[in-house]
N, C-alpha and C. Protein backbone atom coordinates (compact mmCIF):
# COMPACT_ATOMS: atom_id res chain seq x y z
N UNK A 1 -5.43 4.36 11.05
CA UNK A 1 -4.21 4.20 11.80
C UNK A 1 -3.48 2.93 11.35
N UNK A 2 -4.25 1.89 11.03
CA UNK A 2 -3.64 0.65 10.58
C UNK A 2 -2.86 0.86 9.28
N UNK A 3 -3.42 1.67 8.38
CA UNK A 3 -2.72 1.95 7.12
C UNK A 3 -1.40 2.66 7.37
N UNK A 4 -1.38 3.59 8.31
CA UNK A 4 -0.15 4.34 8.62
C UNK A 4 0.90 3.40 9.21
N UNK A 5 0.49 2.58 10.16
CA UNK A 5 1.44 1.65 10.80
C UNK A 5 1.98 0.66 9.79
N UNK A 6 1.11 0.10 8.97
CA UNK A 6 1.56 -0.86 7.96
C UNK A 6 2.48 -0.20 6.94
N UNK A 7 2.12 1.01 6.49
CA UNK A 7 2.96 1.74 5.53
C UNK A 7 4.36 1.95 6.08
N UNK A 8 4.46 2.34 7.32
CA UNK A 8 5.77 2.59 7.94
C UNK A 8 6.59 1.31 8.04
N UNK A 9 5.93 0.18 8.22
CA UNK A 9 6.65 -1.08 8.34
C UNK A 9 6.94 -1.74 7.01
N UNK A 10 6.31 -1.27 5.95
CA UNK A 10 6.56 -1.80 4.61
C UNK A 10 7.56 -0.93 3.86
N UNK A 11 7.67 0.32 4.25
CA UNK A 11 8.52 1.27 3.55
C UNK A 11 9.93 0.72 3.32
N UNK A 12 10.40 0.82 2.09
CA UNK A 12 11.74 0.33 1.77
C UNK A 12 12.80 1.37 2.08
N UNK A 13 12.38 2.60 2.34
CA UNK A 13 13.35 3.66 2.63
C UNK A 13 13.60 3.84 4.13
N UNK A 14 12.66 3.41 4.98
CA UNK A 14 12.83 3.54 6.42
C UNK A 14 13.55 2.33 6.98
N UNK A 15 14.48 2.57 7.87
CA UNK A 15 15.23 1.50 8.50
C UNK A 15 15.02 1.61 10.01
N UNK A 16 14.62 0.50 10.63
CA UNK A 16 14.42 0.49 12.07
C UNK A 16 15.78 0.46 12.75
N UNK A 17 15.99 1.36 13.69
CA UNK A 17 17.26 1.40 14.40
C UNK A 17 17.10 1.07 15.87
N UNK A 18 15.90 0.69 16.28
CA UNK A 18 15.65 0.43 17.69
C UNK A 18 16.35 -0.83 18.19
N UNK A 19 16.53 -1.81 17.35
CA UNK A 19 17.18 -3.06 17.75
C UNK A 19 18.13 -3.48 16.63
N UNK A 20 19.24 -2.82 16.53
CA UNK A 20 20.17 -3.01 15.42
C UNK A 20 20.73 -4.43 15.37
N UNK A 21 20.91 -5.06 16.50
CA UNK A 21 21.52 -6.39 16.53
C UNK A 21 20.60 -7.51 16.07
N UNK A 22 19.30 -7.30 16.13
CA UNK A 22 18.34 -8.33 15.75
C UNK A 22 17.90 -8.11 14.31
N UNK A 23 18.69 -8.62 13.38
CA UNK A 23 18.41 -8.39 11.95
C UNK A 23 17.07 -8.99 11.52
N UNK A 24 16.71 -10.14 12.04
CA UNK A 24 15.44 -10.77 11.68
C UNK A 24 14.25 -9.93 12.10
N UNK A 25 14.36 -9.29 13.24
CA UNK A 25 13.28 -8.43 13.74
C UNK A 25 13.20 -7.13 12.95
N UNK A 26 14.31 -6.69 12.40
CA UNK A 26 14.35 -5.43 11.67
C UNK A 26 14.12 -5.59 10.17
N UNK A 27 14.05 -6.81 9.70
CA UNK A 27 13.82 -7.03 8.27
C UNK A 27 12.44 -6.51 7.89
N UNK A 28 12.35 -5.97 6.71
CA UNK A 28 11.10 -5.39 6.23
C UNK A 28 9.95 -6.38 6.38
N UNK A 29 8.83 -5.89 6.87
CA UNK A 29 7.69 -6.77 7.13
C UNK A 29 7.15 -7.40 5.85
N UNK A 30 7.28 -6.71 4.72
CA UNK A 30 6.79 -7.27 3.46
C UNK A 30 7.54 -8.55 3.12
N UNK A 31 8.81 -8.62 3.48
CA UNK A 31 9.60 -9.83 3.22
C UNK A 31 9.26 -10.94 4.19
N UNK A 32 8.75 -10.58 5.37
CA UNK A 32 8.48 -11.58 6.41
C UNK A 32 7.11 -12.22 6.32
N UNK A 33 6.15 -11.57 5.67
CA UNK A 33 4.81 -12.15 5.63
C UNK A 33 4.66 -13.11 4.45
N UNK A 34 3.72 -14.01 4.57
CA UNK A 34 3.51 -15.03 3.54
C UNK A 34 2.92 -14.42 2.28
N UNK A 35 3.00 -15.18 1.19
CA UNK A 35 2.43 -14.73 -0.08
C UNK A 35 0.93 -14.53 0.06
N UNK A 36 0.28 -15.42 0.81
CA UNK A 36 -1.16 -15.30 1.03
C UNK A 36 -1.49 -13.99 1.77
N UNK A 37 -0.67 -13.65 2.76
CA UNK A 37 -0.89 -12.40 3.50
C UNK A 37 -0.65 -11.19 2.62
N UNK A 38 0.36 -11.26 1.77
CA UNK A 38 0.62 -10.16 0.84
C UNK A 38 -0.57 -9.95 -0.08
N UNK A 39 -1.08 -11.03 -0.63
CA UNK A 39 -2.24 -10.94 -1.53
C UNK A 39 -3.47 -10.41 -0.80
N UNK A 40 -3.65 -10.84 0.44
CA UNK A 40 -4.78 -10.35 1.23
C UNK A 40 -4.69 -8.84 1.44
N UNK A 41 -3.50 -8.37 1.83
CA UNK A 41 -3.31 -6.94 2.07
C UNK A 41 -3.55 -6.16 0.79
N UNK A 42 -2.99 -6.63 -0.33
CA UNK A 42 -3.19 -5.94 -1.60
C UNK A 42 -4.66 -5.87 -1.97
N UNK A 43 -5.38 -6.99 -1.82
CA UNK A 43 -6.80 -7.02 -2.16
C UNK A 43 -7.62 -6.10 -1.26
N UNK A 44 -7.30 -6.05 0.02
CA UNK A 44 -8.04 -5.18 0.95
C UNK A 44 -7.78 -3.71 0.65
N UNK A 45 -6.55 -3.37 0.31
CA UNK A 45 -6.22 -1.99 -0.03
C UNK A 45 -6.98 -1.58 -1.29
N UNK A 46 -6.93 -2.43 -2.31
CA UNK A 46 -7.66 -2.14 -3.54
C UNK A 46 -9.16 -2.05 -3.29
N UNK A 47 -9.67 -2.95 -2.47
CA UNK A 47 -11.09 -2.95 -2.16
C UNK A 47 -11.53 -1.68 -1.45
N UNK A 48 -10.71 -1.20 -0.55
CA UNK A 48 -11.09 0.02 0.17
C UNK A 48 -11.04 1.23 -0.74
N UNK A 49 -10.11 1.25 -1.69
CA UNK A 49 -10.02 2.38 -2.61
C UNK A 49 -11.08 2.34 -3.71
N UNK A 50 -11.55 1.14 -4.04
CA UNK A 50 -12.54 1.02 -5.11
C UNK A 50 -13.97 0.94 -4.57
N UNK A 51 -14.14 1.08 -3.27
CA UNK A 51 -15.45 1.02 -2.64
C UNK A 51 -16.37 2.10 -3.20
N UNK A 52 -17.63 1.75 -3.36
CA UNK A 52 -18.62 2.71 -3.85
C UNK A 52 -19.00 3.71 -2.77
N UNK A 53 -18.76 3.34 -1.52
CA UNK A 53 -19.07 4.23 -0.40
C UNK A 53 -17.95 5.26 -0.26
N UNK A 54 -18.27 6.54 -0.34
CA UNK A 54 -17.22 7.55 -0.20
C UNK A 54 -16.62 7.55 1.20
N UNK A 55 -15.32 7.66 1.28
CA UNK A 55 -14.63 7.76 2.55
C UNK A 55 -13.94 9.11 2.61
N UNK A 56 -13.53 9.50 3.79
CA UNK A 56 -12.94 10.83 3.95
C UNK A 56 -11.66 10.96 3.13
N UNK A 57 -11.36 12.18 2.77
CA UNK A 57 -10.18 12.47 1.97
C UNK A 57 -8.90 12.09 2.73
N UNK A 58 -8.88 12.32 4.04
CA UNK A 58 -7.70 12.00 4.85
C UNK A 58 -7.44 10.50 4.87
N UNK A 59 -8.50 9.72 5.02
CA UNK A 59 -8.34 8.26 5.05
C UNK A 59 -7.93 7.76 3.66
N UNK A 60 -8.55 8.29 2.64
CA UNK A 60 -8.18 7.91 1.27
C UNK A 60 -6.71 8.19 1.02
N UNK A 61 -6.23 9.34 1.48
CA UNK A 61 -4.83 9.72 1.30
C UNK A 61 -3.90 8.71 1.99
N UNK A 62 -4.24 8.30 3.19
CA UNK A 62 -3.41 7.33 3.94
C UNK A 62 -3.39 5.98 3.24
N UNK A 63 -4.54 5.54 2.75
CA UNK A 63 -4.60 4.24 2.06
C UNK A 63 -3.85 4.31 0.73
N UNK A 64 -3.92 5.45 0.05
CA UNK A 64 -3.15 5.62 -1.19
C UNK A 64 -1.66 5.56 -0.91
N UNK A 65 -1.22 6.19 0.18
CA UNK A 65 0.19 6.12 0.56
C UNK A 65 0.62 4.68 0.84
N UNK A 66 -0.27 3.92 1.47
CA UNK A 66 0.02 2.51 1.72
C UNK A 66 0.16 1.75 0.41
N UNK A 67 -0.72 2.01 -0.54
CA UNK A 67 -0.65 1.33 -1.84
C UNK A 67 0.68 1.63 -2.54
N UNK A 68 1.15 2.87 -2.44
CA UNK A 68 2.43 3.23 -3.04
C UNK A 68 3.58 2.48 -2.37
N UNK A 69 3.54 2.36 -1.04
CA UNK A 69 4.59 1.61 -0.34
C UNK A 69 4.55 0.12 -0.69
N UNK A 70 3.35 -0.42 -0.84
CA UNK A 70 3.24 -1.83 -1.23
C UNK A 70 3.88 -2.03 -2.60
N UNK A 71 3.59 -1.14 -3.54
CA UNK A 71 4.19 -1.24 -4.88
C UNK A 71 5.71 -1.13 -4.78
N UNK A 72 6.21 -0.22 -3.95
CA UNK A 72 7.65 -0.08 -3.77
C UNK A 72 8.29 -1.34 -3.21
N UNK A 73 7.63 -1.94 -2.22
CA UNK A 73 8.15 -3.18 -1.63
C UNK A 73 8.10 -4.32 -2.64
N UNK A 74 7.03 -4.38 -3.43
CA UNK A 74 6.93 -5.42 -4.45
C UNK A 74 8.07 -5.28 -5.44
N UNK A 75 8.36 -4.08 -5.85
CA UNK A 75 9.44 -3.85 -6.82
C UNK A 75 10.81 -4.15 -6.19
N UNK A 76 11.02 -3.67 -4.99
CA UNK A 76 12.32 -3.81 -4.32
C UNK A 76 12.63 -5.25 -3.95
N UNK A 77 11.67 -5.95 -3.37
CA UNK A 77 11.93 -7.27 -2.81
C UNK A 77 11.52 -8.43 -3.71
N UNK A 78 10.57 -8.21 -4.60
CA UNK A 78 10.08 -9.30 -5.43
C UNK A 78 10.44 -9.13 -6.89
N UNK A 79 10.98 -7.97 -7.24
CA UNK A 79 11.36 -7.73 -8.63
C UNK A 79 10.17 -7.49 -9.54
N UNK A 80 9.00 -7.29 -8.96
CA UNK A 80 7.82 -7.02 -9.78
C UNK A 80 7.83 -5.56 -10.19
N UNK A 81 7.60 -5.31 -11.45
CA UNK A 81 7.68 -3.95 -11.95
C UNK A 81 6.42 -3.14 -11.67
N UNK A 82 5.26 -3.71 -11.94
CA UNK A 82 4.02 -2.94 -11.82
C UNK A 82 2.93 -3.82 -11.22
N UNK A 83 2.20 -3.25 -10.29
CA UNK A 83 1.04 -3.90 -9.70
C UNK A 83 -0.13 -3.55 -10.60
N UNK A 84 -0.44 -4.44 -11.54
CA UNK A 84 -1.40 -4.15 -12.61
C UNK A 84 -2.77 -3.73 -12.10
N UNK A 85 -3.26 -4.40 -11.05
CA UNK A 85 -4.57 -4.04 -10.52
C UNK A 85 -4.59 -2.61 -9.98
N UNK A 86 -3.45 -2.17 -9.42
CA UNK A 86 -3.36 -0.80 -8.93
C UNK A 86 -3.42 0.20 -10.07
N UNK A 87 -2.73 -0.09 -11.15
CA UNK A 87 -2.78 0.79 -12.31
C UNK A 87 -4.19 0.88 -12.88
N UNK A 88 -4.87 -0.24 -12.96
CA UNK A 88 -6.24 -0.26 -13.45
C UNK A 88 -7.13 0.60 -12.56
N UNK A 89 -6.96 0.47 -11.24
CA UNK A 89 -7.74 1.27 -10.31
C UNK A 89 -7.43 2.76 -10.46
N UNK A 90 -6.17 3.11 -10.65
CA UNK A 90 -5.79 4.51 -10.83
C UNK A 90 -6.50 5.10 -12.04
N UNK A 91 -6.46 4.41 -13.16
CA UNK A 91 -7.11 4.91 -14.37
C UNK A 91 -8.63 4.99 -14.20
N UNK A 92 -9.21 4.04 -13.50
CA UNK A 92 -10.64 4.06 -13.25
C UNK A 92 -11.02 5.24 -12.37
N UNK A 93 -10.24 5.46 -11.31
CA UNK A 93 -10.54 6.55 -10.37
C UNK A 93 -10.42 7.91 -11.03
N UNK A 94 -9.44 8.09 -11.87
CA UNK A 94 -9.24 9.38 -12.53
C UNK A 94 -10.44 9.74 -13.40
N UNK A 95 -11.12 8.75 -13.91
CA UNK A 95 -12.27 8.99 -14.79
C UNK A 95 -13.62 8.97 -14.05
N UNK A 96 -13.60 8.89 -12.74
CA UNK A 96 -14.83 8.88 -11.94
C UNK A 96 -15.44 10.27 -11.84
N UNK A 97 -16.70 10.32 -11.42
CA UNK A 97 -17.40 11.58 -11.21
C UNK A 97 -17.19 12.12 -9.79
N UNK A 98 -16.92 11.22 -8.84
CA UNK A 98 -16.74 11.64 -7.45
C UNK A 98 -15.35 12.23 -7.25
N UNK A 99 -15.30 13.41 -6.62
CA UNK A 99 -14.03 14.09 -6.40
C UNK A 99 -13.04 13.25 -5.58
N UNK A 100 -13.55 12.54 -4.57
CA UNK A 100 -12.66 11.75 -3.71
C UNK A 100 -12.01 10.62 -4.52
N UNK A 101 -12.71 10.08 -5.49
CA UNK A 101 -12.14 9.03 -6.34
C UNK A 101 -11.06 9.60 -7.27
N UNK A 102 -11.33 10.77 -7.82
CA UNK A 102 -10.34 11.41 -8.69
C UNK A 102 -9.09 11.74 -7.89
N UNK A 103 -9.27 12.27 -6.66
CA UNK A 103 -8.13 12.56 -5.79
C UNK A 103 -7.32 11.30 -5.50
N UNK A 104 -8.01 10.20 -5.24
CA UNK A 104 -7.33 8.94 -4.95
C UNK A 104 -6.52 8.48 -6.18
N UNK A 105 -7.10 8.62 -7.35
CA UNK A 105 -6.40 8.22 -8.57
C UNK A 105 -5.17 9.07 -8.86
N UNK A 106 -5.29 10.34 -8.57
CA UNK A 106 -4.17 11.24 -8.81
C UNK A 106 -3.10 11.07 -7.76
């Protein structure tokens, strides 16, 4: 559930309309958190996807969606083109023997 909530608040395509007058409150959460917090979130997402312990396909799917939104926010707000560690993980997962890892990579 945390991945879904975070993904929705990081999404660069979704705009909060609940409080239109409070621009600071409606600004994308990725822009509002510190660099240390951004790095922590990125590392935890990568760690959960690269874990040796298999997790359910549904949870893996949600965490993968979060990783995609993080990359989108990084590109949109920070001008970063590619999250290199994510690409490395994608290539590693695609070549794994476990089906859940291959699904995550794809």
